[in-house]
């Protein structure tokens, strides 16, 4: 927020430019981290995170554009919060495969499991 959004917003006097710059920089940083993590696995630099962050920028724009419409505010106000959370998480599903596939194939989650507590759900 303070590293990109606010400075760009101040320099350009445009909230939109600040938001776009924040998404671009975030995408580039994530691309770099992905490249470093998987540098020895043969994964190519394919701008997957830029696509992901661009998609999320479009969702944010849609929320800003349509969220102020009275009928949408009425519908949202009547929905239970857990359902709203589930619906928000579902918006990532169309593009989540862009990066999680590489993580699964190259053992990222297997390695993280040793560093973070993991809860396994098994049927009885």
N, C-alpha and C. Protein backbone atom coordinates (compact mmCIF):
# COMPACT_ATOMS: atom_id res chain seq x y z
N UNK A 1 0.83 -1.19 0.00
CA UNK A 1 0.00 0.00 0.00
C UNK A 1 0.88 1.25 0.00
N UNK A 2 1.81 1.31 0.94
CA UNK A 2 2.66 2.49 1.02
C UNK A 2 3.81 2.46 0.01
N UNK A 3 4.11 1.26 -0.51
CA UNK A 3 5.23 1.13 -1.44
C UNK A 3 4.89 1.46 -2.87
N UNK A 4 3.65 1.22 -3.29
CA UNK A 4 3.28 1.45 -4.69
C UNK A 4 1.99 2.27 -4.81
N UNK A 5 0.93 1.79 -4.19
CA UNK A 5 -0.39 2.41 -4.36
C UNK A 5 -0.38 3.91 -4.05
N UNK A 6 0.02 4.26 -2.85
CA UNK A 6 -0.03 5.66 -2.44
C UNK A 6 0.93 6.55 -3.23
N UNK A 7 2.20 6.12 -3.45
CA UNK A 7 3.10 6.99 -4.23
C UNK A 7 2.63 7.23 -5.66
N UNK A 8 2.16 6.17 -6.32
CA UNK A 8 1.68 6.33 -7.71
C UNK A 8 0.41 7.17 -7.73
N UNK A 9 -0.45 6.93 -6.77
CA UNK A 9 -1.68 7.72 -6.68
C UNK A 9 -1.35 9.20 -6.48
N UNK A 10 -0.34 9.47 -5.65
CA UNK A 10 0.08 10.85 -5.39
C UNK A 10 0.70 11.46 -6.65
N UNK A 11 1.59 10.70 -7.33
CA UNK A 11 2.29 11.22 -8.51
C UNK A 11 1.35 11.48 -9.69
N UNK A 12 0.36 10.59 -9.86
CA UNK A 12 -0.53 10.70 -11.01
C UNK A 12 -1.86 11.37 -10.68
N UNK A 13 -2.14 11.52 -9.38
CA UNK A 13 -3.43 12.06 -8.94
C UNK A 13 -4.59 11.19 -9.44
N UNK A 14 -4.33 9.87 -9.53
CA UNK A 14 -5.34 8.94 -10.03
C UNK A 14 -5.36 7.68 -9.18
N UNK A 15 -6.51 7.40 -8.58
CA UNK A 15 -6.67 6.18 -7.80
C UNK A 15 -6.54 4.96 -8.70
N UNK A 16 -7.10 5.04 -9.90
CA UNK A 16 -7.03 3.93 -10.85
C UNK A 16 -5.59 3.58 -11.19
N UNK A 17 -4.76 4.58 -11.46
CA UNK A 17 -3.36 4.32 -11.79
C UNK A 17 -2.62 3.71 -10.60
N UNK A 18 -2.94 4.16 -9.39
CA UNK A 18 -2.33 3.58 -8.20
C UNK A 18 -2.68 2.11 -8.05
N UNK A 19 -3.95 1.79 -8.24
CA UNK A 19 -4.40 0.39 -8.14
C UNK A 19 -3.76 -0.46 -9.23
N UNK A 20 -3.75 0.02 -10.46
CA UNK A 20 -3.14 -0.73 -11.56
C UNK A 20 -1.66 -0.96 -11.31
N UNK A 21 -0.96 0.05 -10.85
CA UNK A 21 0.47 -0.08 -10.57
C UNK A 21 0.70 -1.11 -9.45
N UNK A 22 -0.15 -1.09 -8.43
CA UNK A 22 0.00 -2.04 -7.33
C UNK A 22 -0.18 -3.47 -7.82
N UNK A 23 -1.16 -3.70 -8.70
CA UNK A 23 -1.36 -5.04 -9.24
C UNK A 23 -0.20 -5.46 -10.13
N UNK A 24 0.32 -4.57 -10.94
CA UNK A 24 1.45 -4.89 -11.82
C UNK A 24 2.69 -5.24 -10.99
N UNK A 25 3.00 -4.40 -10.02
CA UNK A 25 4.19 -4.65 -9.19
C UNK A 25 4.03 -5.94 -8.40
N UNK A 26 2.85 -6.18 -7.85
CA UNK A 26 2.61 -7.42 -7.12
C UNK A 26 2.78 -8.63 -8.03
N UNK A 27 2.27 -8.54 -9.24
CA UNK A 27 2.43 -9.63 -10.20
C UNK A 27 3.89 -9.89 -10.52
N UNK A 28 4.66 -8.84 -10.73
CA UNK A 28 6.08 -8.99 -11.05
C UNK A 28 6.84 -9.60 -9.88
N UNK A 29 6.55 -9.15 -8.66
CA UNK A 29 7.21 -9.72 -7.48
C UNK A 29 6.89 -11.20 -7.35
N UNK A 30 5.63 -11.56 -7.54
CA UNK A 30 5.25 -12.97 -7.45
C UNK A 30 5.90 -13.80 -8.56
N UNK A 31 6.00 -13.23 -9.76
CA UNK A 31 6.70 -13.93 -10.84
C UNK A 31 8.15 -14.20 -10.45
N UNK A 32 8.80 -13.20 -9.87
CA UNK A 32 10.20 -13.34 -9.46
C UNK A 32 10.34 -14.42 -8.39
N UNK A 33 9.48 -14.38 -7.37
CA UNK A 33 9.54 -15.37 -6.30
C UNK A 33 9.32 -16.77 -6.88
N UNK A 34 8.37 -16.92 -7.77
CA UNK A 34 8.11 -18.21 -8.40
C UNK A 34 9.33 -18.68 -9.19
N UNK A 35 9.95 -17.76 -9.90
CA UNK A 35 11.14 -18.09 -10.67
C UNK A 35 12.27 -18.57 -9.76
N UNK A 36 12.46 -17.90 -8.62
CA UNK A 36 13.51 -18.28 -7.67
C UNK A 36 13.20 -19.64 -7.05
N UNK A 37 11.96 -19.84 -6.62
CA UNK A 37 11.59 -21.10 -5.97
C UNK A 37 11.78 -22.27 -6.92
N UNK A 38 11.38 -22.11 -8.17
CA UNK A 38 11.39 -23.22 -9.11
C UNK A 38 12.50 -23.12 -10.16
N UNK A 39 13.56 -22.36 -9.89
CA UNK A 39 14.59 -22.12 -10.90
C UNK A 39 15.27 -23.39 -11.39
N UNK A 40 15.33 -24.42 -10.58
CA UNK A 40 16.02 -25.65 -10.97
C UNK A 40 15.06 -26.74 -11.45
N UNK A 41 13.82 -26.41 -11.66
CA UNK A 41 12.84 -27.44 -12.03
C UNK A 41 12.46 -27.40 -13.51
N UNK A 42 12.88 -26.38 -14.22
CA UNK A 42 12.55 -26.28 -15.64
C UNK A 42 11.27 -25.53 -15.93
N UNK A 43 10.63 -24.97 -14.90
CA UNK A 43 9.43 -24.16 -15.14
C UNK A 43 9.84 -22.89 -15.86
N UNK A 44 9.12 -22.55 -16.90
CA UNK A 44 9.43 -21.35 -17.65
C UNK A 44 8.72 -20.14 -17.06
N UNK A 45 9.28 -18.99 -17.32
CA UNK A 45 8.72 -17.72 -16.88
C UNK A 45 7.59 -17.37 -17.84
N UNK A 46 6.34 -17.61 -17.45
CA UNK A 46 5.21 -17.47 -18.38
C UNK A 46 4.20 -16.41 -18.01
N UNK A 47 4.53 -15.54 -17.07
CA UNK A 47 3.64 -14.44 -16.68
C UNK A 47 2.32 -14.93 -16.09
N UNK A 48 2.34 -16.08 -15.46
CA UNK A 48 1.11 -16.62 -14.88
C UNK A 48 0.55 -15.72 -13.78
N UNK A 49 1.44 -15.17 -12.96
CA UNK A 49 0.97 -14.31 -11.88
C UNK A 49 0.45 -12.99 -12.40
N UNK A 50 1.01 -12.51 -13.47
CA UNK A 50 0.50 -11.28 -14.07
C UNK A 50 -0.93 -11.50 -14.57
N UNK A 51 -1.18 -12.67 -15.13
CA UNK A 51 -2.54 -13.00 -15.57
C UNK A 51 -3.46 -13.06 -14.34
N UNK A 52 -2.99 -13.71 -13.28
CA UNK A 52 -3.79 -13.83 -12.06
C UNK A 52 -4.12 -12.46 -11.47
N UNK A 53 -3.11 -11.60 -11.35
CA UNK A 53 -3.35 -10.28 -10.77
C UNK A 53 -4.16 -9.40 -11.71
N UNK A 54 -3.99 -9.55 -13.02
CA UNK A 54 -4.82 -8.82 -13.96
C UNK A 54 -6.29 -9.22 -13.85
N UNK A 55 -6.51 -10.52 -13.71
CA UNK A 55 -7.87 -11.03 -13.52
C UNK A 55 -8.49 -10.45 -12.25
N UNK A 56 -7.71 -10.43 -11.16
CA UNK A 56 -8.22 -9.87 -9.91
C UNK A 56 -8.45 -8.38 -10.00
N UNK A 57 -7.64 -7.68 -10.78
CA UNK A 57 -7.88 -6.25 -11.00
C UNK A 57 -9.22 -6.05 -11.71
N UNK A 58 -9.52 -6.92 -12.66
CA UNK A 58 -10.83 -6.84 -13.35
C UNK A 58 -11.98 -7.09 -12.38
N UNK A 59 -11.80 -8.06 -11.48
CA UNK A 59 -12.84 -8.33 -10.47
C UNK A 59 -13.04 -7.13 -9.54
N UNK A 60 -11.94 -6.51 -9.15
CA UNK A 60 -12.01 -5.33 -8.30
C UNK A 60 -12.73 -4.19 -9.02
N UNK A 61 -12.42 -4.03 -10.30
CA UNK A 61 -13.08 -3.00 -11.10
C UNK A 61 -14.58 -3.29 -11.19
N UNK A 62 -14.94 -4.55 -11.42
CA UNK A 62 -16.36 -4.93 -11.50
C UNK A 62 -17.07 -4.67 -10.17
N UNK A 63 -16.41 -5.02 -9.07
CA UNK A 63 -17.00 -4.77 -7.75
C UNK A 63 -17.21 -3.27 -7.53
N UNK A 64 -16.23 -2.48 -7.91
CA UNK A 64 -16.34 -1.02 -7.75
C UNK A 64 -17.46 -0.46 -8.64
N UNK A 65 -17.55 -0.98 -9.85
CA UNK A 65 -18.53 -0.48 -10.81
C UNK A 65 -19.96 -0.89 -10.46
N UNK A 66 -20.15 -2.16 -10.13
CA UNK A 66 -21.51 -2.68 -9.92
C UNK A 66 -21.92 -2.75 -8.45
N UNK A 67 -20.95 -2.67 -7.54
CA UNK A 67 -21.26 -2.81 -6.12
C UNK A 67 -22.10 -1.69 -5.54
N UNK A 68 -22.13 -0.56 -6.20
CA UNK A 68 -22.91 0.56 -5.68
C UNK A 68 -24.36 0.56 -6.19
N UNK A 69 -24.69 -0.37 -7.06
CA UNK A 69 -26.07 -0.48 -7.57
C UNK A 69 -26.97 -0.98 -6.43
N UNK A 70 -28.10 -0.30 -6.26
CA UNK A 70 -28.98 -0.56 -5.11
C UNK A 70 -29.44 -2.00 -5.01
N UNK A 71 -29.84 -2.61 -6.11
CA UNK A 71 -30.35 -3.99 -6.05
C UNK A 71 -29.25 -4.95 -5.63
N UNK A 72 -28.02 -4.71 -6.06
CA UNK A 72 -26.91 -5.58 -5.67
C UNK A 72 -26.61 -5.39 -4.18
N UNK A 73 -26.65 -4.16 -3.71
CA UNK A 73 -26.44 -3.92 -2.28
C UNK A 73 -27.52 -4.61 -1.44
N UNK A 74 -28.75 -4.60 -1.94
CA UNK A 74 -29.86 -5.27 -1.24
C UNK A 74 -29.62 -6.78 -1.15
N UNK A 75 -29.21 -7.38 -2.27
CA UNK A 75 -28.97 -8.82 -2.30
C UNK A 75 -27.83 -9.18 -1.36
N UNK A 76 -26.73 -8.45 -1.45
CA UNK A 76 -25.55 -8.74 -0.63
C UNK A 76 -25.85 -8.58 0.85
N UNK A 77 -26.65 -7.59 1.20
CA UNK A 77 -26.96 -7.36 2.62
C UNK A 77 -27.77 -8.50 3.23
N UNK A 78 -28.46 -9.27 2.40
CA UNK A 78 -29.29 -10.38 2.90
C UNK A 78 -28.55 -11.72 2.93
N UNK A 79 -27.36 -11.78 2.33
CA UNK A 79 -26.61 -13.03 2.29
C UNK A 79 -25.82 -13.22 3.58
N UNK A 80 -25.73 -14.47 4.04
CA UNK A 80 -24.90 -14.73 5.23
C UNK A 80 -23.41 -14.51 4.91
N UNK A 81 -22.66 -14.00 5.87
CA UNK A 81 -21.24 -13.69 5.66
C UNK A 81 -20.43 -14.90 5.19
N UNK A 82 -20.65 -16.11 5.75
CA UNK A 82 -19.88 -17.25 5.25
C UNK A 82 -20.13 -17.53 3.76
N UNK A 83 -21.35 -17.29 3.30
CA UNK A 83 -21.64 -17.48 1.87
C UNK A 83 -20.91 -16.44 1.03
N UNK A 84 -20.87 -15.20 1.49
CA UNK A 84 -20.15 -14.15 0.77
C UNK A 84 -18.67 -14.52 0.69
N UNK A 85 -18.10 -15.00 1.79
CA UNK A 85 -16.71 -15.42 1.80
C UNK A 85 -16.48 -16.54 0.79
N UNK A 86 -17.38 -17.53 0.78
CA UNK A 86 -17.25 -18.65 -0.17
C UNK A 86 -17.34 -18.15 -1.61
N UNK A 87 -18.24 -17.23 -1.89
CA UNK A 87 -18.38 -16.70 -3.24
C UNK A 87 -17.14 -15.92 -3.67
N UNK A 88 -16.57 -15.15 -2.74
CA UNK A 88 -15.33 -14.42 -3.05
C UNK A 88 -14.21 -15.40 -3.37
N UNK A 89 -14.07 -16.44 -2.56
CA UNK A 89 -13.03 -17.44 -2.81
C UNK A 89 -13.25 -18.15 -4.15
N UNK A 90 -14.49 -18.36 -4.52
CA UNK A 90 -14.80 -19.01 -5.80
C UNK A 90 -14.36 -18.17 -7.00
N UNK A 91 -14.22 -16.87 -6.82
CA UNK A 91 -13.78 -16.04 -7.96
C UNK A 91 -12.35 -16.35 -8.36
N UNK A 92 -11.56 -16.95 -7.46
CA UNK A 92 -10.17 -17.30 -7.80
C UNK A 92 -10.10 -18.63 -8.55
N UNK A 93 -11.13 -19.43 -8.50
CA UNK A 93 -11.08 -20.76 -9.10
C UNK A 93 -10.74 -20.77 -10.60
N UNK A 94 -11.27 -19.85 -11.41
CA UNK A 94 -10.95 -19.93 -12.84
C UNK A 94 -9.47 -19.74 -13.18
N UNK A 95 -8.69 -19.15 -12.28
CA UNK A 95 -7.28 -18.91 -12.59
C UNK A 95 -6.32 -19.54 -11.59
N UNK A 96 -6.82 -20.17 -10.55
CA UNK A 96 -5.94 -20.74 -9.52
C UNK A 96 -5.02 -21.81 -10.08
N UNK A 97 -5.46 -22.53 -11.07
CA UNK A 97 -4.64 -23.60 -11.66
C UNK A 97 -3.35 -23.08 -12.30
N UNK A 98 -3.33 -21.78 -12.62
CA UNK A 98 -2.15 -21.22 -13.27
C UNK A 98 -0.89 -21.41 -12.43
N UNK A 99 -1.03 -21.33 -11.11
CA UNK A 99 0.16 -21.47 -10.28
C UNK A 99 0.14 -22.69 -9.37
N UNK A 100 -1.02 -23.12 -8.92
CA UNK A 100 -1.05 -24.26 -8.01
C UNK A 100 -0.61 -25.55 -8.69
N UNK A 101 -0.84 -25.66 -9.98
CA UNK A 101 -0.39 -26.85 -10.72
C UNK A 101 1.11 -27.04 -10.63
N UNK A 102 1.86 -25.97 -10.86
CA UNK A 102 3.32 -26.03 -10.75
C UNK A 102 3.74 -26.38 -9.33
N UNK A 103 3.06 -25.81 -8.35
CA UNK A 103 3.41 -26.06 -6.96
C UNK A 103 3.23 -27.54 -6.61
N UNK A 104 2.13 -28.13 -7.09
CA UNK A 104 1.86 -29.54 -6.79
C UNK A 104 2.88 -30.43 -7.50
N UNK A 105 3.08 -30.21 -8.79
CA UNK A 105 3.98 -31.05 -9.59
C UNK A 105 5.40 -31.05 -9.04
N UNK A 106 5.86 -29.90 -8.56
CA UNK A 106 7.24 -29.79 -8.13
C UNK A 106 7.43 -29.85 -6.61
N UNK A 107 6.40 -30.31 -5.89
CA UNK A 107 6.54 -30.63 -4.49
C UNK A 107 6.56 -29.47 -3.50
N UNK A 108 6.06 -28.33 -3.91
CA UNK A 108 6.05 -27.17 -3.00
C UNK A 108 5.29 -27.48 -1.71
N UNK A 109 4.09 -28.04 -1.84
CA UNK A 109 3.28 -28.31 -0.65
C UNK A 109 3.91 -29.39 0.22
N UNK A 110 4.59 -30.36 -0.40
CA UNK A 110 5.28 -31.39 0.37
C UNK A 110 6.39 -30.77 1.21
N UNK A 111 7.10 -29.78 0.66
CA UNK A 111 8.18 -29.12 1.40
C UNK A 111 7.61 -28.20 2.49
N UNK A 112 6.55 -27.48 2.18
CA UNK A 112 5.95 -26.56 3.15
C UNK A 112 5.38 -27.30 4.35
N UNK A 113 4.93 -28.52 4.13
CA UNK A 113 4.30 -29.29 5.19
C UNK A 113 5.25 -29.48 6.38
N UNK A 114 6.56 -29.46 6.14
CA UNK A 114 7.51 -29.62 7.24
C UNK A 114 7.74 -28.31 8.00
N UNK A 115 7.39 -27.20 7.39
CA UNK A 115 7.63 -25.89 8.02
C UNK A 115 6.38 -25.31 8.68
N UNK A 116 5.22 -25.78 8.29
CA UNK A 116 3.96 -25.23 8.81
C UNK A 116 3.09 -26.35 9.35
N UNK A 117 2.35 -26.06 10.41
CA UNK A 117 1.44 -27.09 10.92
C UNK A 117 0.40 -27.46 9.86
N UNK A 118 0.12 -28.72 9.75
CA UNK A 118 -0.83 -29.20 8.76
C UNK A 118 -1.90 -30.04 9.44
N UNK A 119 -3.14 -29.80 9.08
CA UNK A 119 -4.25 -30.59 9.61
C UNK A 119 -4.73 -31.50 8.50
N UNK A 120 -4.71 -32.78 8.75
CA UNK A 120 -5.17 -33.76 7.77
C UNK A 120 -6.52 -34.28 8.19
N UNK A 121 -7.45 -34.29 7.26
CA UNK A 121 -8.79 -34.82 7.52
C UNK A 121 -8.89 -36.18 6.85
N UNK A 122 -9.14 -37.18 7.64
CA UNK A 122 -9.25 -38.53 7.11
C UNK A 122 -10.57 -39.13 7.54
N UNK A 123 -11.13 -39.92 6.66
CA UNK A 123 -12.39 -40.57 7.01
C UNK A 123 -12.12 -41.73 7.97
N UNK A 124 -13.09 -42.01 8.81
CA UNK A 124 -12.91 -43.09 9.82
C UNK A 124 -13.12 -44.44 9.22
